[in-house]
Amino acid sequence: MYKKLLKPILFCIDPERVHKITFFLIKLIFKLPLVSTVTEKIFKIKNPILETEVFGIKFPNPVGLAAGFDKNAKLYNEFSSFGFGFIEIGTVTPNPQQGNPKKRLFRLVIDQAIINSLGFNNLGVEKVIERLSYNKDIIIGGNIGKNKITDFNNSIQDYIICFEKLYPYVNYFAINVSSPNTKKLRDLQQKDLLKQLLEALQKKNKSYSFQKPILLKISPDLSEDQLIDIVEVINETSLDGIIATNTTLSRNNLSSPSDLVNQKGGLSGKPISKKSTNIIKFLHKKSNGSIPIIGVGGIMNPDDAIEKIKAGASLIQLYSGFVYSGPSIVKKINNAVIDYRLNQ
């Protein structure tokens, strides 16, 4: 129904506007009696074969919603009803910010891709924790970053503030140093700067009686030498895992019109599928499988998901695939995972 009826209508509307409309409608519909229960019966699969324990957390299934979709933790309960095993909210910054000027979100339908230059538009950490305080049993990842106006030399403090505020409300943290839409943010992936940031976060983490897993979200545009540096820093700082990957600045092999291809921002969707998978495979090999990886980037169908798992991903996340295929993709992937694990 989504692809034949809803998608053609939604894709006639500006992507950022339709995102807001969709959120409003989902929130409204789920207030009706039994909607949540019926939705779960249609989309959610409960099977012990799907249960996946990674970095000390038992996930009901390995399919998560990637950061950027529910930035402000508005609909994590509703999205969980569509069958996701976990929801990653954010990217969250200490203070609210509008993000980059509009228009900043573009669909490349021919390529099954999205370009965004949103720039960490969010309501700030205080508003997010207010919403997360109502969560009971949904596994939540907190994706955190720096405010645009924060001086680059004070970047670490922004991450620490978000970490402290979100600590009681999330199950794990994702450290976003790889978005291409905040000036100089990707510079934090340089080995020395990255090590300083992660050491500071681990120090704060160890000040609590119970430590939360910390994962690093990386760019798909890193060289092999830079990826080796990433593995070394993660081992040196005892980080819990990697999220591979964020959006890319590359525009190779696209078929969409040039006015879309040349838009500023990070590209997600089908064109980065192989790139992301190759990075997962490389990291898995270089770490001898010792570093858990969440695979994200271009998962448009169950085959893409299984490819990520075969490459070394313990968990996967959807964004563009959810937009292009609708909620049924979550169930289809989980069924594929069951088949894959039964045949191992």
Foldseek 3Di string as FASTA:
>chain_A
DCQPPVLVVLVVDQVVVSLVVVLVVLVVVVVDPCPLVVLLVVAADQDPLQWFAAPRDTFSHQEEADEPSAAQLSQQSSLVSLHHRAYEYHQAWAAADQFDDPPAWDAQPVQLKIFGLRGRHYHHLVSSVVNLVPDDDHAYEHEYFYDLPDDPVCGLVRVVSNCVSCVVRHQAYEYEQAWPNRPCSVVCLPLVNVLVSLLVVVVVQVVDPDGHAYEYEHALPDDLVSLLSVLVSCVVSVHQAYEFYDFYQDLPPRDGDPVRSPDDGGMFAQVCLVSRLVSLLSNCVSNVLPHAYEGEGHCQALVSVVSSVVSRHSHYYDDSNCSNPNSNRSRRNRVSSSVVSVVD
